[in-house]
N, C-alpha and C. Protein backbone atom coordinates (compact mmCIF):
# COMPACT_ATOMS: atom_id res chain seq x y z
N MET A 1 -31.54 118.52 145.32
CA MET A 1 -31.86 118.70 146.73
C MET A 1 -30.57 118.56 147.54
N ASP A 2 -30.40 119.44 148.49
CA ASP A 2 -29.23 119.33 149.34
C ASP A 2 -29.66 118.99 150.77
N TYR A 3 -28.69 118.82 151.62
CA TYR A 3 -28.94 118.41 152.99
C TYR A 3 -29.84 119.40 153.73
N HIS A 4 -29.56 120.71 153.61
CA HIS A 4 -30.32 121.72 154.36
C HIS A 4 -31.77 121.75 153.92
N ASN A 5 -32.04 121.69 152.63
CA ASN A 5 -33.42 121.68 152.15
C ASN A 5 -34.14 120.42 152.58
N PHE A 6 -33.47 119.29 152.56
CA PHE A 6 -34.09 118.04 152.98
C PHE A 6 -34.50 118.13 154.45
N VAL A 7 -33.62 118.63 155.29
CA VAL A 7 -33.91 118.74 156.72
C VAL A 7 -35.07 119.71 156.93
N LYS A 8 -35.06 120.87 156.24
CA LYS A 8 -36.11 121.87 156.38
C LYS A 8 -37.46 121.29 155.93
N ASP A 9 -37.47 120.59 154.77
CA ASP A 9 -38.71 120.04 154.23
C ASP A 9 -39.22 118.85 155.05
N ASN A 10 -38.34 118.21 155.77
CA ASN A 10 -38.72 117.00 156.52
C ASN A 10 -38.52 117.16 158.02
N LYS A 11 -38.64 118.40 158.53
CA LYS A 11 -38.34 118.62 159.94
C LYS A 11 -39.31 117.91 160.88
N ASN A 12 -40.50 117.60 160.40
CA ASN A 12 -41.46 116.89 161.25
C ASN A 12 -41.42 115.39 161.03
N THR A 13 -40.54 114.93 160.12
CA THR A 13 -40.41 113.50 159.86
C THR A 13 -39.48 112.90 160.90
N PRO A 14 -39.95 111.89 161.63
CA PRO A 14 -39.05 111.29 162.62
C PRO A 14 -37.89 110.57 161.93
N MET A 15 -36.71 110.78 162.43
CA MET A 15 -35.52 110.12 161.90
C MET A 15 -35.36 108.79 162.60
N PRO A 16 -35.03 107.75 161.86
CA PRO A 16 -34.89 106.42 162.47
C PRO A 16 -33.63 106.33 163.34
N SER A 17 -33.66 105.43 164.30
CA SER A 17 -32.47 105.23 165.14
C SER A 17 -31.43 104.38 164.43
N SER A 18 -31.87 103.65 163.42
CA SER A 18 -30.92 102.93 162.58
C SER A 18 -31.48 102.97 161.16
N PHE A 19 -30.60 102.85 160.19
CA PHE A 19 -31.03 102.99 158.81
C PHE A 19 -30.13 102.13 157.94
N SER A 20 -30.72 101.45 156.99
CA SER A 20 -29.95 100.61 156.08
C SER A 20 -29.70 101.41 154.81
N ALA A 21 -28.43 101.70 154.52
CA ALA A 21 -28.08 102.55 153.38
C ALA A 21 -27.33 101.75 152.33
N PHE A 22 -27.49 102.17 151.09
CA PHE A 22 -26.78 101.53 149.99
C PHE A 22 -25.36 102.06 149.96
N HIS A 23 -24.41 101.19 150.14
CA HIS A 23 -23.00 101.57 150.15
C HIS A 23 -22.45 101.46 148.74
N ASN A 24 -21.47 102.31 148.35
CA ASN A 24 -20.98 102.27 146.98
C ASN A 24 -20.25 100.98 146.64
N GLY A 25 -20.08 100.09 147.58
CA GLY A 25 -19.54 98.78 147.26
C GLY A 25 -20.62 97.83 146.73
N GLY A 26 -21.88 98.26 146.83
CA GLY A 26 -22.95 97.47 146.26
C GLY A 26 -23.86 96.81 147.30
N GLU A 27 -23.44 96.74 148.55
CA GLU A 27 -24.25 96.06 149.56
C GLU A 27 -24.91 97.10 150.46
N ASN A 28 -25.96 96.67 151.15
CA ASN A 28 -26.60 97.54 152.12
C ASN A 28 -25.81 97.50 153.42
N VAL A 29 -25.65 98.64 154.02
CA VAL A 29 -24.90 98.74 155.26
C VAL A 29 -25.83 99.33 156.31
N LYS A 30 -25.93 98.67 157.43
CA LYS A 30 -26.78 99.17 158.50
C LYS A 30 -26.00 100.18 159.33
N VAL A 31 -26.59 101.36 159.49
CA VAL A 31 -25.96 102.43 160.25
C VAL A 31 -26.81 102.68 161.48
N GLU A 32 -26.18 102.72 162.64
CA GLU A 32 -26.93 102.92 163.88
C GLU A 32 -26.36 104.11 164.63
N GLY A 33 -27.15 104.58 165.59
CA GLY A 33 -26.68 105.64 166.46
C GLY A 33 -26.79 107.02 165.83
N ARG A 34 -25.97 107.93 166.31
CA ARG A 34 -26.11 109.33 165.91
C ARG A 34 -25.79 109.58 164.44
N ASN A 35 -25.00 108.71 163.80
CA ASN A 35 -24.71 108.88 162.37
C ASN A 35 -25.87 108.47 161.48
N SER A 36 -26.87 107.75 162.03
CA SER A 36 -27.95 107.26 161.20
C SER A 36 -28.77 108.39 160.61
N ASN A 37 -28.96 109.50 161.33
CA ASN A 37 -29.72 110.63 160.80
C ASN A 37 -29.06 111.20 159.55
N LEU A 38 -27.77 111.41 159.61
CA LEU A 38 -27.06 111.97 158.47
C LEU A 38 -27.08 110.99 157.30
N VAL A 39 -26.86 109.72 157.56
CA VAL A 39 -26.88 108.72 156.49
C VAL A 39 -28.26 108.65 155.87
N TYR A 40 -29.32 108.75 156.68
CA TYR A 40 -30.68 108.74 156.18
C TYR A 40 -30.91 109.91 155.22
N VAL A 41 -30.46 111.09 155.59
CA VAL A 41 -30.60 112.28 154.76
C VAL A 41 -29.82 112.12 153.47
N ILE A 42 -28.57 111.69 153.57
CA ILE A 42 -27.73 111.52 152.38
C ILE A 42 -28.32 110.50 151.45
N GLU A 43 -28.80 109.39 151.99
CA GLU A 43 -29.38 108.33 151.15
C GLU A 43 -30.61 108.83 150.42
N ASN A 44 -31.46 109.60 151.08
CA ASN A 44 -32.66 110.11 150.42
C ASN A 44 -32.30 111.16 149.37
N CYS A 45 -31.29 111.97 149.62
CA CYS A 45 -30.82 112.92 148.61
C CYS A 45 -30.28 112.17 147.40
N ARG A 46 -29.54 111.09 147.63
CA ARG A 46 -29.00 110.30 146.53
C ARG A 46 -30.11 109.70 145.69
N LYS A 47 -31.14 109.16 146.36
CA LYS A 47 -32.26 108.56 145.63
C LYS A 47 -32.98 109.62 144.79
N GLU A 48 -33.16 110.80 145.35
CA GLU A 48 -33.83 111.87 144.61
C GLU A 48 -33.01 112.29 143.39
N MET A 49 -31.70 112.40 143.55
CA MET A 49 -30.84 112.78 142.42
C MET A 49 -30.87 111.71 141.34
N GLN A 50 -30.89 110.44 141.72
CA GLN A 50 -30.96 109.36 140.74
C GLN A 50 -32.27 109.43 139.97
N ALA A 51 -33.37 109.74 140.67
CA ALA A 51 -34.66 109.85 140.00
C ALA A 51 -34.66 111.00 139.00
N LYS A 52 -34.04 112.12 139.36
CA LYS A 52 -33.96 113.27 138.46
C LYS A 52 -33.10 112.96 137.24
N LEU A 53 -32.06 112.16 137.42
CA LEU A 53 -31.15 111.85 136.33
C LEU A 53 -31.67 110.74 135.42
N LYS A 54 -32.65 110.01 135.89
CA LYS A 54 -33.18 108.91 135.08
C LYS A 54 -33.73 109.49 133.78
N GLY A 55 -33.24 109.00 132.67
CA GLY A 55 -33.67 109.52 131.38
C GLY A 55 -32.89 110.75 130.97
N GLY A 56 -32.12 111.31 131.89
CA GLY A 56 -31.30 112.47 131.57
C GLY A 56 -29.93 112.04 131.11
N ILE A 57 -29.09 112.99 130.85
CA ILE A 57 -27.74 112.69 130.38
C ILE A 57 -26.75 113.06 131.47
N LEU A 58 -25.96 112.11 131.87
CA LEU A 58 -24.88 112.39 132.80
C LEU A 58 -23.71 112.96 132.02
N MET A 59 -22.91 113.82 132.63
CA MET A 59 -21.77 114.43 131.93
C MET A 59 -20.81 113.38 131.39
N THR A 60 -20.64 112.29 132.09
CA THR A 60 -19.70 111.27 131.62
C THR A 60 -20.21 110.57 130.37
N ASP A 61 -21.53 110.56 130.17
CA ASP A 61 -22.11 109.89 129.01
C ASP A 61 -21.89 110.63 127.70
N ILE A 62 -21.74 111.94 127.74
CA ILE A 62 -21.68 112.69 126.49
C ILE A 62 -20.41 112.40 125.69
N PHE A 63 -19.37 111.90 126.34
CA PHE A 63 -18.13 111.61 125.64
C PHE A 63 -17.94 110.12 125.34
N GLU A 64 -18.90 109.30 125.76
CA GLU A 64 -18.74 107.86 125.67
C GLU A 64 -18.44 107.37 124.25
N ASP A 65 -19.17 107.84 123.25
CA ASP A 65 -18.97 107.38 121.88
C ASP A 65 -18.30 108.44 121.01
N ALA A 66 -17.70 109.42 121.61
CA ALA A 66 -17.09 110.51 120.85
C ALA A 66 -15.79 110.07 120.19
N ASP A 67 -15.51 110.66 119.03
CA ASP A 67 -14.25 110.40 118.33
C ASP A 67 -13.12 111.14 119.03
N VAL A 68 -11.95 110.50 119.11
CA VAL A 68 -10.79 111.15 119.68
C VAL A 68 -10.29 112.18 118.66
N ILE A 69 -10.18 113.42 119.08
CA ILE A 69 -9.74 114.48 118.18
C ILE A 69 -8.23 114.54 118.12
N PHE A 70 -7.60 114.40 119.29
CA PHE A 70 -6.15 114.49 119.35
C PHE A 70 -5.64 113.59 120.46
N GLN A 71 -4.54 112.93 120.21
CA GLN A 71 -3.92 112.08 121.23
C GLN A 71 -2.42 112.35 121.20
N TYR A 72 -1.86 112.70 122.35
CA TYR A 72 -0.44 112.96 122.48
C TYR A 72 0.21 111.66 122.94
N THR A 73 0.99 111.03 122.10
CA THR A 73 1.52 109.71 122.40
C THR A 73 2.80 109.78 123.21
N GLU A 74 3.15 108.65 123.78
CA GLU A 74 4.40 108.52 124.52
C GLU A 74 5.59 108.82 123.61
N GLU A 75 5.54 108.31 122.39
CA GLU A 75 6.63 108.55 121.44
C GLU A 75 6.82 110.04 121.16
N GLU A 76 5.70 110.76 121.00
CA GLU A 76 5.78 112.21 120.78
C GLU A 76 6.37 112.92 121.99
N ALA A 77 5.99 112.47 123.20
CA ALA A 77 6.53 113.09 124.41
C ALA A 77 8.03 112.83 124.54
N VAL A 78 8.49 111.65 124.09
CA VAL A 78 9.93 111.36 124.07
C VAL A 78 10.62 112.27 123.05
N GLU A 79 10.04 112.37 121.86
CA GLU A 79 10.62 113.24 120.82
C GLU A 79 10.69 114.69 121.28
N ASP A 80 9.66 115.13 122.02
CA ASP A 80 9.62 116.52 122.50
C ASP A 80 10.49 116.76 123.72
N GLY A 81 11.02 115.69 124.33
CA GLY A 81 11.91 115.84 125.47
C GLY A 81 11.24 115.86 126.82
N PHE A 82 9.94 115.58 126.89
CA PHE A 82 9.25 115.55 128.18
C PHE A 82 9.48 114.22 128.89
N LEU A 83 9.65 113.18 128.12
CA LEU A 83 9.91 111.84 128.66
C LEU A 83 11.21 111.31 128.08
N VAL A 84 11.83 110.38 128.81
CA VAL A 84 13.09 109.76 128.39
C VAL A 84 12.89 108.26 128.47
N LYS A 85 13.26 107.54 127.41
CA LYS A 85 13.22 106.08 127.47
C LYS A 85 14.21 105.62 128.54
N ASN A 86 13.85 104.62 129.28
CA ASN A 86 14.69 104.12 130.38
C ASN A 86 16.02 103.60 129.82
N PRO A 87 17.13 104.32 130.11
CA PRO A 87 18.42 103.86 129.61
C PRO A 87 18.97 102.65 130.37
N ARG A 88 18.34 102.26 131.47
CA ARG A 88 18.77 101.10 132.26
C ARG A 88 17.66 100.06 132.35
N ALA A 89 16.98 99.82 131.24
CA ALA A 89 15.93 98.80 131.21
C ALA A 89 16.48 97.42 131.56
N ASP A 90 17.79 97.25 131.42
CA ASP A 90 18.41 95.98 131.79
C ASP A 90 18.29 95.70 133.28
N VAL A 91 18.12 96.74 134.08
CA VAL A 91 18.00 96.58 135.53
C VAL A 91 16.55 96.23 135.90
N PHE A 92 15.59 96.97 135.33
CA PHE A 92 14.17 96.75 135.64
C PHE A 92 13.36 97.20 134.43
N ASP A 93 12.97 96.24 133.62
CA ASP A 93 12.31 96.56 132.36
C ASP A 93 10.84 96.91 132.48
N LYS A 94 10.27 96.78 133.68
CA LYS A 94 8.87 97.21 133.88
C LYS A 94 8.76 98.73 133.81
N VAL A 95 9.86 99.44 134.10
CA VAL A 95 9.90 100.89 133.95
C VAL A 95 10.35 101.19 132.52
N ALA A 96 9.41 101.67 131.72
CA ALA A 96 9.71 101.93 130.31
C ALA A 96 10.26 103.33 130.09
N ILE A 97 9.74 104.28 130.84
CA ILE A 97 10.14 105.68 130.64
C ILE A 97 10.29 106.38 131.99
N ILE A 98 11.04 107.46 131.95
CA ILE A 98 11.17 108.34 133.12
C ILE A 98 10.90 109.76 132.63
N THR A 99 10.47 110.60 133.52
CA THR A 99 10.22 111.99 133.11
C THR A 99 11.56 112.71 132.97
N ASN A 100 11.56 113.71 132.11
CA ASN A 100 12.78 114.49 131.92
C ASN A 100 13.19 115.18 133.21
N ASN A 101 12.22 115.66 134.00
CA ASN A 101 12.55 116.32 135.27
C ASN A 101 13.31 115.38 136.20
N LEU A 102 12.88 114.11 136.26
CA LEU A 102 13.58 113.14 137.09
C LEU A 102 14.98 112.89 136.53
N TRP A 103 15.09 112.74 135.23
CA TRP A 103 16.39 112.48 134.61
C TRP A 103 17.37 113.63 134.89
N VAL A 104 16.90 114.88 134.81
CA VAL A 104 17.75 116.03 135.12
C VAL A 104 18.17 116.01 136.59
N ALA A 105 17.23 115.67 137.50
CA ALA A 105 17.55 115.59 138.93
C ALA A 105 18.58 114.49 139.18
N ILE A 106 18.47 113.38 138.48
CA ILE A 106 19.44 112.28 138.62
C ILE A 106 20.80 112.72 138.09
N GLN A 107 20.83 113.42 136.97
CA GLN A 107 22.10 113.92 136.43
C GLN A 107 22.75 114.91 137.40
N ASP A 108 21.94 115.79 138.00
CA ASP A 108 22.48 116.74 138.98
C ASP A 108 23.05 116.01 140.20
N GLU A 109 22.34 114.99 140.65
CA GLU A 109 22.81 114.23 141.81
C GLU A 109 24.11 113.50 141.47
N ALA A 110 24.20 112.93 140.28
CA ALA A 110 25.44 112.25 139.86
C ALA A 110 26.59 113.23 139.80
N LYS A 111 26.32 114.43 139.32
CA LYS A 111 27.36 115.47 139.24
C LYS A 111 27.87 115.82 140.65
N LYS A 112 26.93 115.98 141.60
CA LYS A 112 27.31 116.29 142.99
C LYS A 112 28.15 115.15 143.57
N ARG A 113 27.72 113.92 143.35
CA ARG A 113 28.43 112.76 143.88
C ARG A 113 29.82 112.64 143.25
N SER A 114 29.96 113.00 142.01
CA SER A 114 31.26 112.93 141.32
C SER A 114 32.27 113.88 141.93
N GLN A 115 31.80 114.97 142.49
CA GLN A 115 32.69 115.96 143.10
C GLN A 115 33.23 115.50 144.45
N THR A 116 32.58 114.52 145.06
CA THR A 116 33.00 114.07 146.39
C THR A 116 33.70 112.72 146.37
N THR A 117 33.93 112.17 145.20
CA THR A 117 34.61 110.87 145.12
C THR A 117 35.78 110.95 144.14
N ILE A 118 36.67 110.04 144.27
CA ILE A 118 37.80 109.97 143.34
C ILE A 118 37.31 109.52 141.97
N PHE A 119 36.38 108.58 141.99
CA PHE A 119 35.84 108.07 140.74
C PHE A 119 34.56 108.82 140.41
N GLY A 120 34.32 109.08 139.16
CA GLY A 120 33.09 109.75 138.73
C GLY A 120 31.88 108.86 138.92
N VAL A 121 30.75 109.49 139.11
CA VAL A 121 29.49 108.77 139.25
C VAL A 121 28.63 109.14 138.04
N GLU A 122 28.26 108.15 137.28
CA GLU A 122 27.46 108.36 136.08
C GLU A 122 25.97 108.40 136.43
N PRO A 123 25.19 109.22 135.73
CA PRO A 123 23.74 109.26 135.98
C PRO A 123 23.08 107.89 135.82
N GLU A 124 23.57 107.10 134.88
CA GLU A 124 23.00 105.77 134.66
C GLU A 124 23.18 104.88 135.89
N PHE A 125 24.29 105.09 136.64
CA PHE A 125 24.51 104.33 137.87
C PHE A 125 23.47 104.73 138.92
N VAL A 126 23.24 106.03 139.07
CA VAL A 126 22.26 106.52 140.04
C VAL A 126 20.87 105.98 139.69
N LEU A 127 20.50 106.07 138.41
CA LEU A 127 19.21 105.55 137.97
C LEU A 127 19.13 104.05 138.22
N GLY A 128 20.21 103.33 137.94
CA GLY A 128 20.24 101.89 138.17
C GLY A 128 19.97 101.54 139.62
N CYS A 129 20.52 102.33 140.54
CA CYS A 129 20.26 102.09 141.97
C CYS A 129 18.78 102.27 142.29
N ALA A 130 18.17 103.33 141.78
CA ALA A 130 16.74 103.56 142.01
C ALA A 130 15.91 102.44 141.39
N LEU A 131 16.31 102.00 140.21
CA LEU A 131 15.58 100.92 139.54
C LEU A 131 15.68 99.61 140.31
N LYS A 132 16.83 99.34 140.93
CA LYS A 132 16.98 98.12 141.74
C LYS A 132 16.01 98.14 142.92
N VAL A 133 15.88 99.31 143.56
CA VAL A 133 14.94 99.44 144.68
C VAL A 133 13.51 99.24 144.18
N ALA A 134 13.19 99.86 143.04
CA ALA A 134 11.84 99.73 142.47
C ALA A 134 11.54 98.26 142.14
N LYS A 135 12.50 97.58 141.56
CA LYS A 135 12.31 96.17 141.18
C LYS A 135 12.08 95.31 142.42
N GLU A 136 12.87 95.56 143.47
CA GLU A 136 12.72 94.80 144.71
C GLU A 136 11.34 95.03 145.32
N MET A 137 10.90 96.30 145.32
CA MET A 137 9.58 96.60 145.87
C MET A 137 8.48 95.95 145.04
N TYR A 138 8.60 96.05 143.73
CA TYR A 138 7.58 95.55 142.81
C TYR A 138 7.48 94.03 142.88
N GLU A 139 8.59 93.35 142.74
CA GLU A 139 8.57 91.89 142.73
C GLU A 139 8.29 91.29 144.09
N GLY A 140 8.72 91.98 145.15
CA GLY A 140 8.48 91.49 146.51
C GLY A 140 7.18 91.99 147.10
N LYS A 141 6.44 92.80 146.34
CA LYS A 141 5.18 93.39 146.80
C LYS A 141 5.35 94.08 148.14
N LYS A 142 6.44 94.84 148.26
CA LYS A 142 6.75 95.55 149.50
C LYS A 142 6.21 96.97 149.44
N PHE A 143 4.89 97.07 149.30
CA PHE A 143 4.25 98.37 149.18
C PHE A 143 3.75 98.83 150.54
N GLU A 144 3.73 100.14 150.74
CA GLU A 144 3.25 100.70 152.00
C GLU A 144 1.92 101.40 151.77
N GLY A 145 1.07 101.38 152.79
CA GLY A 145 -0.21 102.07 152.70
C GLY A 145 -1.06 101.54 151.56
N ASP A 146 -1.60 102.48 150.77
CA ASP A 146 -2.46 102.06 149.66
C ASP A 146 -1.70 101.91 148.35
N ASN A 147 -0.37 101.88 148.44
CA ASN A 147 0.44 101.67 147.24
C ASN A 147 0.28 100.24 146.74
N ASP A 148 0.44 100.06 145.43
CA ASP A 148 0.38 98.73 144.84
C ASP A 148 1.22 98.71 143.57
N LYS A 149 1.09 97.67 142.76
CA LYS A 149 1.93 97.55 141.57
C LYS A 149 1.62 98.61 140.51
N ASP A 150 0.52 99.33 140.64
CA ASP A 150 0.17 100.38 139.69
C ASP A 150 0.65 101.76 140.14
N PHE A 151 0.93 101.90 141.42
CA PHE A 151 1.46 103.17 141.95
C PHE A 151 2.20 102.88 143.25
N PHE A 152 3.48 103.23 143.28
CA PHE A 152 4.21 103.10 144.53
C PHE A 152 5.31 104.15 144.59
N VAL A 153 5.72 104.44 145.81
CA VAL A 153 6.72 105.48 146.06
C VAL A 153 7.98 104.83 146.60
N LEU A 154 9.12 105.16 145.98
CA LEU A 154 10.39 104.65 146.47
C LEU A 154 10.79 105.40 147.73
N PRO A 155 11.47 104.74 148.64
CA PRO A 155 11.98 105.47 149.80
C PRO A 155 12.95 106.55 149.31
N LYS A 156 13.07 107.62 150.08
CA LYS A 156 13.97 108.71 149.66
C LYS A 156 15.34 108.15 149.31
N SER A 157 15.82 108.55 148.15
CA SER A 157 17.09 108.04 147.66
C SER A 157 18.16 109.11 147.75
N TRP A 158 19.22 108.91 147.02
CA TRP A 158 20.31 109.88 147.01
C TRP A 158 19.75 111.28 146.78
N GLY A 159 20.24 112.22 147.52
CA GLY A 159 19.80 113.60 147.35
C GLY A 159 18.41 113.85 147.89
N GLY A 160 17.84 112.86 148.56
CA GLY A 160 16.50 113.03 149.14
C GLY A 160 15.39 113.05 148.11
N LEU A 161 15.65 112.51 146.91
CA LEU A 161 14.62 112.50 145.87
C LEU A 161 13.49 111.55 146.25
N VAL A 162 12.27 112.04 146.11
CA VAL A 162 11.10 111.19 146.24
C VAL A 162 10.71 110.80 144.82
N ILE A 163 10.67 109.49 144.55
CA ILE A 163 10.41 109.01 143.19
C ILE A 163 9.15 108.16 143.20
N TRP A 164 8.25 108.50 142.29
CA TRP A 164 7.02 107.75 142.11
C TRP A 164 7.17 106.80 140.93
N CYS A 165 6.56 105.63 141.02
CA CYS A 165 6.41 104.71 139.89
C CYS A 165 4.92 104.58 139.64
N VAL A 166 4.50 104.98 138.43
CA VAL A 166 3.07 105.04 138.11
C VAL A 166 2.82 104.23 136.84
N ARG A 167 1.80 103.39 136.87
CA ARG A 167 1.42 102.61 135.69
C ARG A 167 0.96 103.57 134.60
N ASN A 168 1.45 103.36 133.37
CA ASN A 168 1.04 104.22 132.26
C ASN A 168 0.08 103.47 131.33
N GLU A 169 -0.37 104.16 130.30
CA GLU A 169 -1.38 103.59 129.39
C GLU A 169 -0.86 102.42 128.57
N ASN A 170 0.45 102.20 128.57
CA ASN A 170 1.03 101.08 127.82
C ASN A 170 1.27 99.85 128.70
N GLY A 171 0.78 99.90 129.94
CA GLY A 171 0.92 98.76 130.84
C GLY A 171 2.28 98.67 131.51
N LYS A 172 3.15 99.63 131.27
CA LYS A 172 4.47 99.69 131.91
C LYS A 172 4.43 100.75 133.00
N LEU A 173 5.57 100.98 133.64
CA LEU A 173 5.66 102.01 134.68
C LEU A 173 6.42 103.22 134.16
N THR A 174 6.03 104.37 134.66
CA THR A 174 6.75 105.61 134.42
C THR A 174 7.33 106.05 135.76
N MET A 175 8.63 106.33 135.80
CA MET A 175 9.25 106.87 137.01
C MET A 175 9.22 108.39 136.90
N MET A 176 8.83 109.03 138.00
CA MET A 176 8.70 110.48 137.95
C MET A 176 8.86 111.10 139.34
N LEU A 177 9.05 112.41 139.33
CA LEU A 177 8.99 113.17 140.57
C LEU A 177 7.52 113.47 140.84
N PRO A 178 7.13 113.67 142.09
CA PRO A 178 5.71 113.92 142.40
C PRO A 178 5.14 115.11 141.61
N GLU A 179 5.94 116.14 141.41
CA GLU A 179 5.44 117.33 140.69
C GLU A 179 5.24 117.08 139.20
N ASP A 180 5.71 115.94 138.70
CA ASP A 180 5.53 115.61 137.28
C ASP A 180 4.16 115.00 137.00
N TYR A 181 3.45 114.62 138.06
CA TYR A 181 2.17 113.94 137.86
C TYR A 181 1.10 114.92 137.42
C-alpha cells in the first residue's frame, strides 16, 4: 500500500489532530499539527507492510546463513596494487593502509613541491604530514559534523587534496580520496 491508495481508500476517515507514531529509535513520538496527517498515513502504511511481511522472507534474510563464495582480502588488494601498506605507520599506526590513488596523488604533490624548493620533498614526508593531522584529529576527537573515529575528513592539505579516513573491516583506518570509496 502506498500513500495515494491509503488516502483514496480512507478519504472519509477523519485524520487526527495529533498522532503517536513509532519512531525508528524505538520510542513513540507524538506528532501534532499539520504533519500529523502525513505521519498517520505513513504509520498505517508501515503497519500494513509489516503485517504482509509477517511469515514472509525479507531480502536481507535470504543471505543470513549463506556460505561466503568469494572474499577479496586486504592482502590481495595490496598484492594487486589497489591498496598500499602505510609506509609511515610510525607517525600514526591506526591508519594501516592507503589507497593507491591517494599514494599516487601524494607522490605527484611531492614531485611538484620538489620543483619549487632547493631540497627535495619525499612522498613519505607529505604522507607523514597528513598522518599527523589525522592523528591529532583522531586522538583529540576534533571531528566536524557527523564525523567520528570511524569516518572523518582531513582539512584540505597540500595540493588541495581532500582525504578521508574510513574504518575498515580489520578495525584500522584506510586513508583514501573520496572517489576511492
